[in-house]
C-alpha atoms as a PDB file:
ATOM      1  CA  MET A   1     -18.181   7.201 -10.286  1.00  0.00           C
ATOM      2  CA  ASN A   2     -16.803   6.452  -6.867  1.00  0.00           C
ATOM      3  CA  MET A   3     -19.425   5.217  -4.426  1.00  0.00           C
ATOM      4  CA  LEU A   4     -18.269   7.712  -1.721  1.00  0.00           C
ATOM      5  CA  LYS A   5     -18.656  10.507  -4.359  1.00  0.00           C
ATOM      6  CA  LYS A   6     -22.107   9.618  -4.793  1.00  0.00           C
ATOM      7  CA  ILE A   7     -22.659   9.133  -1.182  1.00  0.00           C
ATOM      8  CA  ILE A   8     -21.422  12.653  -0.164  1.00  0.00           C
ATOM      9  CA  GLY A   9     -22.795  14.443  -3.375  1.00  0.00           C
ATOM     10  CA  ALA A  10     -25.014  16.964  -4.044  1.00  0.00           C
ATOM     11  CA  GLY A  11     -27.174  16.364  -1.132  1.00  0.00           C
ATOM     12  CA  ALA A  12     -24.442  16.829   1.026  1.00  0.00           C
ATOM     13  CA  ILE A  13     -22.824  19.930  -0.190  1.00  0.00           C
ATOM     14  CA  GLY A  14     -25.367  22.124   1.426  1.00  0.00           C
ATOM     15  CA  LEU A  15     -24.833  20.444   4.927  1.00  0.00           C
ATOM     16  CA  SER A  16     -22.776  21.965   7.696  1.00  0.00           C
ATOM     17  CA  LEU A  17     -21.525  20.662  10.900  1.00  0.00           C
ATOM     18  CA  LEU A  18     -24.224  22.397  12.490  1.00  0.00           C
ATOM     19  CA  SER A  19     -26.450  19.506  11.929  1.00  0.00           C
ATOM     20  CA  ALA A  20     -23.932  17.225  13.715  1.00  0.00           C
ATOM     21  CA  PRO A  21     -24.213  16.346  17.268  1.00  0.00           C
ATOM     22  CA  SER A  22     -23.071  19.051  19.714  1.00  0.00           C
ATOM     23  CA  HIS A  23     -20.421  16.467  21.672  1.00  0.00           C
ATOM     24  CA  ALA A  24     -17.444  15.576  20.055  1.00  0.00           C
ATOM     25  CA  LEU A  25     -16.742  12.664  18.049  1.00  0.00           C
ATOM     26  CA  ASN A  26     -13.552  10.486  18.785  1.00  0.00           C
ATOM     27  CA  MET A  27     -12.103   7.776  16.538  1.00  0.00           C
ATOM     28  CA  ASP A  28      -9.011   5.917  16.384  1.00  0.00           C
ATOM     29  CA  VAL A  29      -6.729   5.067  13.449  1.00  0.00           C
ATOM     30  CA  GLY A  30      -4.150   2.422  13.365  1.00  0.00           C
ATOM     31  CA  HIS A  31      -1.072   1.323  11.365  1.00  0.00           C
ATOM     32  CA  THR A  32       1.869  -1.009  11.829  1.00  0.00           C
ATOM     33  CA  LEU A  33       4.817   1.113  11.039  1.00  0.00           C
ATOM     34  CA  THR A  34       7.031   3.460  12.975  1.00  0.00           C
ATOM     35  CA  THR A  35       6.225   7.198  13.730  1.00  0.00           C
ATOM     36  CA  ASP A  36       8.359   8.396  11.114  1.00  0.00           C
ATOM     37  CA  SER A  37       6.889   6.534   8.282  1.00  0.00           C
ATOM     38  CA  PRO A  38       4.876   7.655   5.718  1.00  0.00           C
ATOM     39  CA  PHE A  39       1.849   5.992   7.281  1.00  0.00           C
ATOM     40  CA  HIS A  40       2.135   7.748  10.361  1.00  0.00           C
ATOM     41  CA  VAL A  41       2.867  11.215   8.733  1.00  0.00           C
ATOM     42  CA  GLY A  42      -0.419  10.597   6.515  1.00  0.00           C
ATOM     43  CA  THR A  43      -2.538   9.616   9.323  1.00  0.00           C
ATOM     44  CA  GLN A  44      -1.340  12.289  11.655  1.00  0.00           C
ATOM     45  CA  LYS A  45      -2.081  14.979   8.945  1.00  0.00           C
ATOM     46  CA  PHE A  46      -5.373  13.528   8.361  1.00  0.00           C
ATOM     47  CA  ALA A  47      -6.251  13.990  12.043  1.00  0.00           C
ATOM     48  CA  ASP A  48      -4.786  17.447  11.981  1.00  0.00           C
ATOM     49  CA  ILE A  49      -6.873  18.555   9.016  1.00  0.00           C
ATOM     50  CA  LEU A  50     -10.078  16.733  10.250  1.00  0.00           C
ATOM     51  CA  LYS A  51      -9.880  18.671  13.678  1.00  0.00           C
ATOM     52  CA  ALA A  52      -9.451  21.977  12.065  1.00  0.00           C
ATOM     53  CA  LYS A  53     -12.445  21.437   9.507  1.00  0.00           C
ATOM     54  CA  SER A  54     -14.922  20.192  12.035  1.00  0.00           C
ATOM     55  CA  ASN A  55     -13.809  23.042  14.586  1.00  0.00           C
ATOM     56  CA  GLY A  56     -12.427  20.581  17.128  1.00  0.00           C
ATOM     57  CA  LYS A  57     -15.808  18.346  16.876  1.00  0.00           C
ATOM     58  CA  ILE A  58     -14.029  15.246  15.293  1.00  0.00           C
ATOM     59  CA  ASN A  59     -10.907  13.994  16.924  1.00  0.00           C
ATOM     60  CA  VAL A  60      -8.931  11.078  15.692  1.00  0.00           C
ATOM     61  CA  THR A  61      -5.992   9.503  17.648  1.00  0.00           C
ATOM     62  CA  VAL A  62      -3.312   7.747  15.779  1.00  0.00           C
ATOM     63  CA  PHE A  63      -2.048   4.504  16.997  1.00  0.00           C
ATOM     64  CA  PRO A  64       1.263   3.407  15.326  1.00  0.00           C
ATOM     65  CA  HIS A  65       3.438   0.334  15.399  1.00  0.00           C
ATOM     66  CA  SER A  66       0.563  -2.053  15.629  1.00  0.00           C
ATOM     67  CA  GLN A  67      -0.673  -0.897  19.091  1.00  0.00           C
ATOM     68  CA  LEU A  68      -4.336  -1.767  17.660  1.00  0.00           C
ATOM     69  CA  GLY A  69      -3.225  -4.873  16.390  1.00  0.00           C
ATOM     70  CA  GLY A  70      -1.288  -6.276  13.052  1.00  0.00           C
ATOM     71  CA  GLU A  71      -2.922  -5.650   9.866  1.00  0.00           C
ATOM     72  CA  LEU A  72      -5.142  -8.560   9.854  1.00  0.00           C
ATOM     73  CA  THR A  73      -6.506  -7.860  13.165  1.00  0.00           C
ATOM     74  CA  MET A  74      -7.277  -4.419  12.144  1.00  0.00           C
ATOM     75  CA  ILE A  75      -8.878  -5.434   8.895  1.00  0.00           C
ATOM     76  CA  GLN A  76     -11.140  -7.935  11.082  1.00  0.00           C
ATOM     77  CA  GLY A  77     -11.798  -5.339  13.604  1.00  0.00           C
ATOM     78  CA  ALA A  78     -13.242  -2.550  11.005  1.00  0.00           C
ATOM     79  CA  VAL A  79     -14.983  -5.538   9.309  1.00  0.00           C
ATOM     80  CA  ALA A  80     -16.906  -6.305  12.716  1.00  0.00           C
ATOM     81  CA  GLY A  81     -17.042  -2.619  13.465  1.00  0.00           C
ATOM     82  CA  ALA A  82     -14.739  -2.609  16.472  1.00  0.00           C
ATOM     83  CA  THR A  83     -12.189  -0.646  14.588  1.00  0.00           C
ATOM     84  CA  ASP A  84     -12.523   2.859  13.085  1.00  0.00           C
ATOM     85  CA  LEU A  85      -9.999   3.419  10.660  1.00  0.00           C
ATOM     86  CA  PHE A  86      -6.724   1.617   9.703  1.00  0.00           C
ATOM     87  CA  VAL A  87      -4.035   2.127   7.068  1.00  0.00           C
ATOM     88  CA  THR A  88      -2.499  -0.864   5.207  1.00  0.00           C
ATOM     89  CA  GLY A  89      -0.659  -1.928   2.258  1.00  0.00           C
ATOM     90  CA  GLN A  90      -2.870  -3.927   0.006  1.00  0.00           C
ATOM     91  CA  PRO A  91      -1.404  -7.448   0.244  1.00  0.00           C
ATOM     92  CA  ALA A  92      -2.975  -7.627   3.824  1.00  0.00           C
ATOM     93  CA  LEU A  93      -6.588  -6.981   2.350  1.00  0.00           C
ATOM     94  CA  ASN A  94      -6.465  -9.993  -0.145  1.00  0.00           C
ATOM     95  CA  ASN A  95      -7.862 -12.481   2.201  1.00  0.00           C
ATOM     96  CA  VAL A  96     -10.913 -10.459   2.781  1.00  0.00           C
ATOM     97  CA  VAL A  97     -11.133  -8.504  -0.534  1.00  0.00           C
ATOM     98  CA  LYS A  98     -10.289 -11.457  -3.309  1.00  0.00           C
ATOM     99  CA  GLU A  99     -10.612  -8.557  -6.143  1.00  0.00           C
ATOM    100  CA  PHE A 100      -7.617  -7.090  -4.721  1.00  0.00           C
ATOM    101  CA  LEU A 101      -5.481 -10.061  -5.802  1.00  0.00           C
ATOM    102  CA  VAL A 102      -5.106  -8.300  -9.272  1.00  0.00           C
ATOM    103  CA  PHE A 103      -2.724  -5.731  -7.269  1.00  0.00           C
ATOM    104  CA  ASP A 104      -0.373  -8.610  -6.581  1.00  0.00           C
ATOM    105  CA  THR A 105       0.287  -9.382 -10.522  1.00  0.00           C
ATOM    106  CA  PRO A 106       4.000  -8.716 -11.156  1.00  0.00           C
ATOM    107  CA  PHE A 107       4.785  -5.782 -13.115  1.00  0.00           C
ATOM    108  CA  LEU A 108       1.170  -4.287 -13.172  1.00  0.00           C
ATOM    109  CA  PHE A 109       2.548  -0.702 -12.926  1.00  0.00           C
ATOM    110  CA  ASP A 110       5.807   0.725 -14.792  1.00  0.00           C
ATOM    111  CA  ASN A 111       6.437   3.087 -11.750  1.00  0.00           C
ATOM    112  CA  VAL A 112       5.197   4.822  -8.521  1.00  0.00           C
ATOM    113  CA  GLN A 113       4.138   7.833 -10.334  1.00  0.00           C
ATOM    114  CA  GLN A 114       2.195   5.919 -12.976  1.00  0.00           C
ATOM    115  CA  ALA A 115       0.587   3.703 -10.418  1.00  0.00           C
ATOM    116  CA  ASN A 116      -0.631   7.016  -8.283  1.00  0.00           C
ATOM    117  CA  GLU A 117      -2.019   8.502 -11.456  1.00  0.00           C
ATOM    118  CA  ILE A 118      -4.108   5.456 -12.171  1.00  0.00           C
ATOM    119  CA  LEU A 119      -5.286   4.947  -8.714  1.00  0.00           C
ATOM    120  CA  ALA A 120      -6.393   8.608  -8.453  1.00  0.00           C
ATOM    121  CA  GLY A 121      -8.587   8.207 -11.789  1.00  0.00           C
ATOM    122  CA  PRO A 122     -11.638   6.031 -12.569  1.00  0.00           C
ATOM    123  CA  VAL A 123      -9.617   2.708 -12.069  1.00  0.00           C
ATOM    124  CA  GLY A 124      -8.966   3.392  -8.549  1.00  0.00           C
ATOM    125  CA  ASP A 125     -12.705   4.348  -8.007  1.00  0.00           C
ATOM    126  CA  LYS A 126     -13.372   0.640  -9.541  1.00  0.00           C
ATOM    127  CA  PHE A 127     -11.343  -0.896  -6.610  1.00  0.00           C
ATOM    128  CA  MET A 128     -12.666   1.571  -3.984  1.00  0.00           C
ATOM    129  CA  ASP A 129     -16.318   0.630  -4.956  1.00  0.00           C
ATOM    130  CA  ILE A 130     -15.485  -2.918  -4.195  1.00  0.00           C
ATOM    131  CA  LEU A 131     -14.655  -2.442  -0.351  1.00  0.00           C
ATOM    132  CA  PRO A 132     -18.485  -1.599   1.098  1.00  0.00           C
ATOM    133  CA  LYS A 133     -19.662  -5.234   0.165  1.00  0.00           C
ATOM    134  CA  TYR A 134     -16.991  -6.485   2.640  1.00  0.00           C
ATOM    135  CA  GLY A 135     -17.760  -3.737   5.309  1.00  0.00           C
ATOM    136  CA  LEU A 136     -15.343  -1.497   4.582  1.00  0.00           C
ATOM    137  CA  VAL A 137     -15.186   2.227   3.179  1.00  0.00           C
ATOM    138  CA  GLY A 138     -11.781   3.070   1.371  1.00  0.00           C
ATOM    139  CA  LEU A 139     -11.234   6.859   2.166  1.00  0.00           C
ATOM    140  CA  GLY A 140      -8.324   7.274  -0.188  1.00  0.00           C
ATOM    141  CA  TRP A 141      -4.975   5.901  -1.601  1.00  0.00           C
ATOM    142  CA  PHE A 142      -1.639   6.387   0.067  1.00  0.00           C
ATOM    143  CA  SER A 143       1.434   6.390  -2.566  1.00  0.00           C
ATOM    144  CA  ALA A 144       1.818   2.884  -4.235  1.00  0.00           C
ATOM    145  CA  ILE A 145       4.814   1.570  -2.632  1.00  0.00           C
ATOM    146  CA  GLU A 146       7.576  -0.001  -4.844  1.00  0.00           C
ATOM    147  CA  ARG A 147       9.332  -3.128  -3.498  1.00  0.00           C
ATOM    148  CA  ASN A 148      12.732  -4.283  -4.686  1.00  0.00           C
ATOM    149  CA  VAL A 149      15.246  -6.936  -4.161  1.00  0.00           C
ATOM    150  CA  PHE A 150      18.092  -6.448  -1.903  1.00  0.00           C
ATOM    151  CA  GLY A 151      20.874  -8.654  -0.366  1.00  0.00           C
ATOM    152  CA  ASN A 152      24.310 -10.065  -1.370  1.00  0.00           C
ATOM    153  CA  ARG A 153      23.460 -10.427  -5.272  1.00  0.00           C
ATOM    154  CA  ALA A 154      23.354  -8.102  -8.016  1.00  0.00           C
ATOM    155  CA  VAL A 155      20.327  -8.823 -10.030  1.00  0.00           C
ATOM    156  CA  ASN A 156      20.388  -7.922 -13.996  1.00  0.00           C
ATOM    157  CA  SER A 157      17.978 -10.552 -15.324  1.00  0.00           C
ATOM    158  CA  ALA A 158      15.840 -13.480 -14.125  1.00  0.00           C
ATOM    159  CA  GLY A 159      18.636 -15.939 -14.195  1.00  0.00           C
ATOM    160  CA  ASP A 160      20.435 -13.933 -11.268  1.00  0.00           C
ATOM    161  CA  LEU A 161      17.449 -14.567  -8.942  1.00  0.00           C
ATOM    162  CA  LYS A 162      17.816 -18.918  -9.455  1.00  0.00           C
ATOM    163  CA  GLY A 163      18.287 -20.297  -5.896  1.00  0.00           C
ATOM    164  CA  MET A 164      18.486 -17.072  -4.102  1.00  0.00           C
ATOM    165  CA  LYS A 165      16.759 -17.261  -0.649  1.00  0.00           C
ATOM    166  CA  ILE A 166      14.662 -14.001  -0.451  1.00  0.00           C
ATOM    167  CA  ARG A 167      12.213 -13.271   2.162  1.00  0.00           C
ATOM    168  CA  VAL A 168       9.132 -11.802   0.489  1.00  0.00           C
ATOM    169  CA  ILE A 169       5.445 -10.823   1.804  1.00  0.00           C
ATOM    170  CA  GLN A 170       3.594 -13.575   2.311  1.00  0.00           C
ATOM    171  CA  SER A 171       0.727 -12.819  -0.186  1.00  0.00           C
ATOM    172  CA  PRO A 172       0.207 -15.185  -3.172  1.00  0.00           C
ATOM    173  CA  GLY A 173       1.570 -13.010  -5.859  1.00  0.00           C
ATOM    174  CA  TYR A 174       4.771 -12.333  -4.415  1.00  0.00           C
ATOM    175  CA  VAL A 175       5.479 -15.887  -3.299  1.00  0.00           C
ATOM    176  CA  GLU A 176       4.367 -17.434  -6.579  1.00  0.00           C
ATOM    177  CA  SER A 177       6.326 -14.615  -8.578  1.00  0.00           C
ATOM    178  CA  TYR A 178       9.799 -15.235  -6.867  1.00  0.00           C
ATOM    179  CA  LYS A 179       9.284 -19.081  -7.041  1.00  0.00           C
ATOM    180  CA  THR A 180       8.442 -18.805 -10.803  1.00  0.00           C
ATOM    181  CA  LEU A 181      11.806 -16.897 -11.063  1.00  0.00           C
ATOM    182  CA  GLY A 182      13.743 -19.686  -9.457  1.00  0.00           C
ATOM    183  CA  ALA A 183      14.185 -18.077  -6.030  1.00  0.00           C
ATOM    184  CA  GLN A 184      13.453 -19.607  -2.735  1.00  0.00           C
ATOM    185  CA  ALA A 185      10.596 -17.545  -1.446  1.00  0.00           C
ATOM    186  CA  THR A 186      11.176 -18.088   2.091  1.00  0.00           C
ATOM    187  CA  PRO A 187       8.767 -17.213   4.847  1.00  0.00           C
ATOM    188  CA  MET A 188      10.298 -15.281   7.771  1.00  0.00           C
ATOM    189  CA  ALA A 189       8.980 -12.557  10.198  1.00  0.00           C
ATOM    190  CA  TYR A 190      10.033  -9.207   8.994  1.00  0.00           C
ATOM    191  CA  SER A 191      11.745  -8.655  12.467  1.00  0.00           C
ATOM    192  CA  GLU A 192      14.178 -11.501  12.078  1.00  0.00           C
ATOM    193  CA  LEU A 193      15.355 -10.426   8.490  1.00  0.00           C
ATOM    194  CA  TYR A 194      18.187  -8.301   9.568  1.00  0.00           C
ATOM    195  CA  LEU A 195      19.777 -10.993  11.774  1.00  0.00           C
ATOM    196  CA  ALA A 196      19.217 -13.579   9.112  1.00  0.00           C
ATOM    197  CA  LEU A 197      21.128 -11.497   6.665  1.00  0.00           C
ATOM    198  CA  GLN A 198      23.891 -10.666   9.025  1.00  0.00           C
ATOM    199  CA  GLN A 199      24.244 -14.597   9.679  1.00  0.00           C
ATOM    200  CA  LYS A 200      23.947 -15.060   5.928  1.00  0.00           C
ATOM    201  CA  VAL A 201      21.372 -17.699   6.404  1.00  0.00           C
ATOM    202  CA  ILE A 202      19.189 -15.803   3.677  1.00  0.00           C
ATOM    203  CA  ASP A 203      20.294 -14.072   0.828  1.00  0.00           C
ATOM    204  CA  GLY A 204      18.020 -11.223   0.461  1.00  0.00           C
ATOM    205  CA  GLY A 205      14.703  -9.600   1.031  1.00  0.00           C
ATOM    206  CA  GLU A 206      12.611  -7.152  -0.874  1.00  0.00           C
ATOM    207  CA  THR A 207      11.339  -3.525   0.471  1.00  0.00           C
ATOM    208  CA  THR A 208      11.332  -0.090  -0.267  1.00  0.00           C
ATOM    209  CA  PRO A 209      14.159   2.431  -0.532  1.00  0.00           C
ATOM    210  CA  ASP A 210      13.194   4.043   2.659  1.00  0.00           C
ATOM    211  CA  GLN A 211      12.692   1.177   4.687  1.00  0.00           C
ATOM    212  CA  PHE A 212      15.775  -0.364   3.384  1.00  0.00           C
ATOM    213  CA  VAL A 213      17.643   2.529   5.131  1.00  0.00           C
ATOM    214  CA  SER A 214      15.472   3.060   8.121  1.00  0.00           C
ATOM    215  CA  ASP A 215      15.391  -0.694   9.021  1.00  0.00           C
ATOM    216  CA  LYS A 216      19.313  -0.617   8.800  1.00  0.00           C
ATOM    217  CA  PHE A 217      19.559  -3.508   6.007  1.00  0.00           C
ATOM    218  CA  ILE A 218      21.933  -1.094   4.611  1.00  0.00           C
ATOM    219  CA  GLU A 219      24.260  -2.440   7.074  1.00  0.00           C
ATOM    220  CA  VAL A 220      24.081  -6.016   5.990  1.00  0.00           C
ATOM    221  CA  SER A 221      23.454  -6.025   2.223  1.00  0.00           C
ATOM    222  CA  LYS A 222      25.717  -5.011  -0.535  1.00  0.00           C
ATOM    223  CA  TYR A 223      23.159  -4.609  -3.475  1.00  0.00           C
ATOM    224  CA  PHE A 224      19.799  -2.893  -3.943  1.00  0.00           C
ATOM    225  CA  ASN A 225      18.341  -4.060  -7.144  1.00  0.00           C
ATOM    226  CA  MET A 226      15.503  -1.881  -9.133  1.00  0.00           C
ATOM    227  CA  THR A 227      13.503  -5.035  -9.931  1.00  0.00           C
ATOM    228  CA  HIS A 228       9.982  -3.481  -9.132  1.00  0.00           C
ATOM    229  CA  ILE A 229       8.348  -6.769  -9.485  1.00  0.00           C
ATOM    230  CA  ASN A 230       5.587  -5.315  -7.187  1.00  0.00           C
ATOM    231  CA  ILE A 231       4.251  -2.079  -6.807  1.00  0.00           C
ATOM    232  CA  HIS A 232       1.314  -2.071  -4.600  1.00  0.00           C
ATOM    233  CA  PRO A 233      -0.956   0.405  -3.304  1.00  0.00           C
ATOM    234  CA  ALA A 234      -1.671   1.449   0.528  1.00  0.00           C
ATOM    235  CA  LEU A 235      -4.871   2.843   1.334  1.00  0.00           C
ATOM    236  CA  LEU A 236      -6.677   4.529   4.562  1.00  0.00           C
ATOM    237  CA  VAL A 237      -9.922   2.562   4.977  1.00  0.00           C
ATOM    238  CA  MET A 238     -12.874   2.783   7.417  1.00  0.00           C
ATOM    239  CA  SER A 239     -15.383   0.375   9.054  1.00  0.00           C
ATOM    240  CA  LYS A 240     -18.626   0.912   6.921  1.00  0.00           C
ATOM    241  CA  THR A 241     -20.471   0.241  10.324  1.00  0.00           C
ATOM    242  CA  ARG A 242     -18.531   3.211  11.534  1.00  0.00           C
ATOM    243  CA  TRP A 243     -18.961   5.400   8.278  1.00  0.00           C
ATOM    244  CA  ASP A 244     -22.634   4.813   8.234  1.00  0.00           C
ATOM    245  CA  SER A 245     -23.181   5.962  11.902  1.00  0.00           C
ATOM    246  CA  LEU A 246     -21.895   9.380  10.745  1.00  0.00           C
ATOM    247  CA  SER A 247     -24.009  12.086   9.393  1.00  0.00           C
ATOM    248  CA  GLU A 248     -23.622  13.176   5.677  1.00  0.00           C
ATOM    249  CA  SER A 249     -22.004  16.267   6.825  1.00  0.00           C
ATOM    250  CA  GLU A 250     -19.367  14.460   8.999  1.00  0.00           C
ATOM    251  CA  GLN A 251     -19.211  11.904   6.169  1.00  0.00           C
ATOM    252  CA  LYS A 252     -18.259  15.041   3.571  1.00  0.00           C
ATOM    253  CA  ILE A 253     -15.645  16.449   5.921  1.00  0.00           C
ATOM    254  CA  VAL A 254     -14.084  13.149   6.657  1.00  0.00           C
ATOM    255  CA  LYS A 255     -13.707  12.310   3.009  1.00  0.00           C
ATOM    256  CA  GLU A 256     -12.281  16.077   2.254  1.00  0.00           C
ATOM    257  CA  SER A 257      -9.622  15.575   5.065  1.00  0.00           C
ATOM    258  CA  ALA A 258      -8.725  12.191   3.976  1.00  0.00           C
ATOM    259  CA  ASP A 259      -8.175  13.507   0.192  1.00  0.00           C
ATOM    260  CA  GLU A 260      -5.956  16.354   1.663  1.00  0.00           C
ATOM    261  CA  ALA A 261      -3.888  14.081   3.944  1.00  0.00           C
ATOM    262  CA  MET A 262      -3.580  11.365   0.999  1.00  0.00           C
ATOM    263  CA  ALA A 263      -2.068  13.915  -1.335  1.00  0.00           C
ATOM    264  CA  TYR A 264       0.395  15.253   1.522  1.00  0.00           C
ATOM    265  CA  ALA A 265       1.344  11.428   2.278  1.00  0.00           C
ATOM    266  CA  ARG A 266       2.189  10.858  -1.345  1.00  0.00           C
ATOM    267  CA  ASP A 267       4.572  13.555  -1.346  1.00  0.00           C
ATOM    268  CA  TYR A 268       6.197  12.452   1.782  1.00  0.00           C
ATOM    269  CA  TYR A 269       6.566   8.932   0.421  1.00  0.00           C
ATOM    270  CA  LYS A 270       8.444  10.549  -2.626  1.00  0.00           C
ATOM    271  CA  LYS A 271      10.511  12.711  -0.377  1.00  0.00           C
ATOM    272  CA  VAL A 272      11.540   9.705   1.672  1.00  0.00           C
ATOM    273  CA  TYR A 273      12.061   7.456  -1.408  1.00  0.00           C
ATOM    274  CA  ASP A 274      14.394   9.831  -2.851  1.00  0.00           C
ATOM    275  CA  GLU A 275      16.203  10.546   0.505  1.00  0.00           C
ATOM    276  CA  GLY A 276      16.663   6.620   0.748  1.00  0.00           C
ATOM    277  CA  MET A 277      18.163   6.421  -2.772  1.00  0.00           C
ATOM    278  CA  LYS A 278      20.594   9.120  -1.890  1.00  0.00           C
ATOM    279  CA  THR A 279      21.648   7.504   1.386  1.00  0.00           C
ATOM    280  CA  MET A 280      22.435   4.273  -0.387  1.00  0.00           C
ATOM    281  CA  ALA A 281      24.611   6.300  -2.872  1.00  0.00           C
ATOM    282  CA  ASP A 282      26.456   7.983  -0.021  1.00  0.00           C
ATOM    283  CA  LYS A 283      27.028   4.760   1.808  1.00  0.00           C
ATOM    284  CA  GLY A 284      28.418   2.760  -0.925  1.00  0.00           C
ATOM    285  CA  ILE A 285      25.716   0.557  -1.783  1.00  0.00           C
ATOM    286  CA  THR A 286      25.648  -0.776  -5.193  1.00  0.00           C
ATOM    287  CA  VAL A 287      22.293   0.247  -6.800  1.00  0.00           C
ATOM    288  CA  VAL A 288      21.602  -1.952  -9.629  1.00  0.00           C
ATOM    289  CA  TYR A 289      19.228  -1.065 -12.534  1.00  0.00           C
ATOM    290  CA  PRO A 290      18.624  -4.477 -14.122  1.00  0.00           C
ATOM    291  CA  ASN A 291      19.789  -4.734 -18.045  1.00  0.00           C
ATOM    292  CA  ASP A 292      17.314  -7.421 -18.866  1.00  0.00           C
ATOM    293  CA  ILE A 293      14.033  -6.833 -16.883  1.00  0.00           C
ATOM    294  CA  ASP A 294      12.169  -8.117 -19.852  1.00  0.00           C
ATOM    295  CA  SER A 295      13.222 -11.594 -18.793  1.00  0.00           C
ATOM    296  CA  LEU A 296      11.634 -11.239 -15.390  1.00  0.00           C
ATOM    297  CA  VAL A 297       8.198  -9.830 -17.131  1.00  0.00           C
ATOM    298  CA  GLN A 298       8.211 -12.634 -19.447  1.00  0.00           C
ATOM    299  CA  ALA A 299       8.957 -15.188 -16.742  1.00  0.00           C
ATOM    300  CA  THR A 300       6.283 -14.030 -14.449  1.00  0.00           C
ATOM    301  CA  ARG A 301       3.579 -13.881 -17.174  1.00  0.00           C
ATOM    302  CA  PRO A 302       1.786 -17.356 -15.871  1.00  0.00           C
ATOM    303  CA  VAL A 303       1.793 -15.844 -12.527  1.00  0.00           C
ATOM    304  CA  VAL A 304      -0.589 -12.894 -13.959  1.00  0.00           C
ATOM    305  CA  LYS A 305      -2.776 -15.431 -15.635  1.00  0.00           C
ATOM    306  CA  LYS A 306      -3.282 -17.317 -12.433  1.00  0.00           C
ATOM    307  CA  LEU A 307      -3.911 -14.344 -10.224  1.00  0.00           C
ATOM    308  CA  VAL A 308      -6.163 -12.686 -12.677  1.00  0.00           C
ATOM    309  CA  GLY A 309      -8.101 -15.829 -12.880  1.00  0.00           C
ATOM    310  CA  ASP A 310      -8.359 -16.331  -9.124  1.00  0.00           C
ATOM    311  CA  ALA A 311      -9.602 -12.762  -8.523  1.00  0.00           C
ATOM    312  CA  PRO A 312     -13.291 -12.247  -8.628  1.00  0.00           C
ATOM    313  CA  ASN A 313     -14.064 -10.247 -11.909  1.00  0.00           C
ATOM    314  CA  GLY A 314     -10.167 -10.252 -12.152  1.00  0.00           C
ATOM    315  CA  GLN A 315      -9.972  -9.974 -15.894  1.00  0.00           C
ATOM    316  CA  ALA A 316     -12.147  -6.857 -16.174  1.00  0.00           C
ATOM    317  CA  LEU A 317     -10.070  -5.207 -13.336  1.00  0.00           C
ATOM    318  CA  TYR A 318      -6.768  -5.984 -14.862  1.00  0.00           C
ATOM    319  CA  ASP A 319      -7.737  -4.844 -18.367  1.00  0.00           C
ATOM    320  CA  ALA A 320      -8.901  -1.670 -16.798  1.00  0.00           C
ATOM    321  CA  VAL A 321      -5.433  -1.101 -15.049  1.00  0.00           C
ATOM    322  CA  ILE A 322      -3.604  -2.007 -18.325  1.00  0.00           C
ATOM    323  CA  ALA A 323      -5.794   0.217 -20.383  1.00  0.00           C
ATOM    324  CA  ALA A 324      -4.976   2.935 -18.040  1.00  0.00           C
ATOM    325  CA  LYS A 325      -1.336   2.114 -18.459  1.00  0.00           C
ATOM    326  CA  ALA A 326      -1.739   2.456 -22.136  1.00  0.00           C
ATOM    327  CA  LYS A 327      -3.189   5.781 -22.153  1.00  0.00           C
ATOM    328  CA  SER A 328      -0.560   7.101 -19.537  1.00  0.00           C
ATOM    329  CA  ASN A 329       2.404   5.831 -21.775  1.00  0.00           C
ATOM    330  CA  LYS A 330       1.077   7.693 -24.911  1.00  0.00           C
END
């Protein structure tokens, strides 16, 4: 059972905000994306629901576009108790929460829907229960995020990636996966990628369908390849110091609000994902569904083994995900 469920269990159910302080409780939540992103829509929904449920006693201000710092800064701030809440993609947590390296393993999930279903169950709870020992409390999973290769080349098999210069997330699993596939995993600030593609100093990158469209890569790329090498979760996280300062009734209402907001955010991600795919088709982008995806899967097996070995309790966590996948595929 998820640790949060234990914390806000039977003893909290009978409590109400009447036991909370009469003064307003103000908190901040940060993320690194724009105001039209799923991160912003989800956190704003969280703030709205929480305000309504608490009768205006708990107020959350959303700070988009790295106004509270980059992901690493916010994570470190939350561990230290200086940042209240943040939203992040899982790769940014790897340096702090080593167990989350398991999510870097290539082809861990088959698709976004499957990932969301698995994270919503006991397996997701296993990972959330790890966070408190690092000074963090996971309030809920945003949608899992599917990342695909785009650029100037169609990718139908592992061989098509050989020699391709690709800007990838600088996380161990991503870098190792693309190196193993023969690509040049190129470190580069995300903000520099558009110009690098335009000037043809790089061959491609990897991102989600919605970001591909909203960040205008559609203007400097010919192909969007549905490689889904990595499908990683995103989550809403709270400082454990801040969480522990709340009363049981406040914790209960914060968690309930997060649950509702995350469900809304998952639906919103699906909407913008589908819109991104439609826009690509309308604009003449060639969307490639690799005819030999198994060659990519097999080529990256050594990366899976390495990452699972590097993560604390990695084999048990990885096996739990694989067992849940097998169950979902029946």
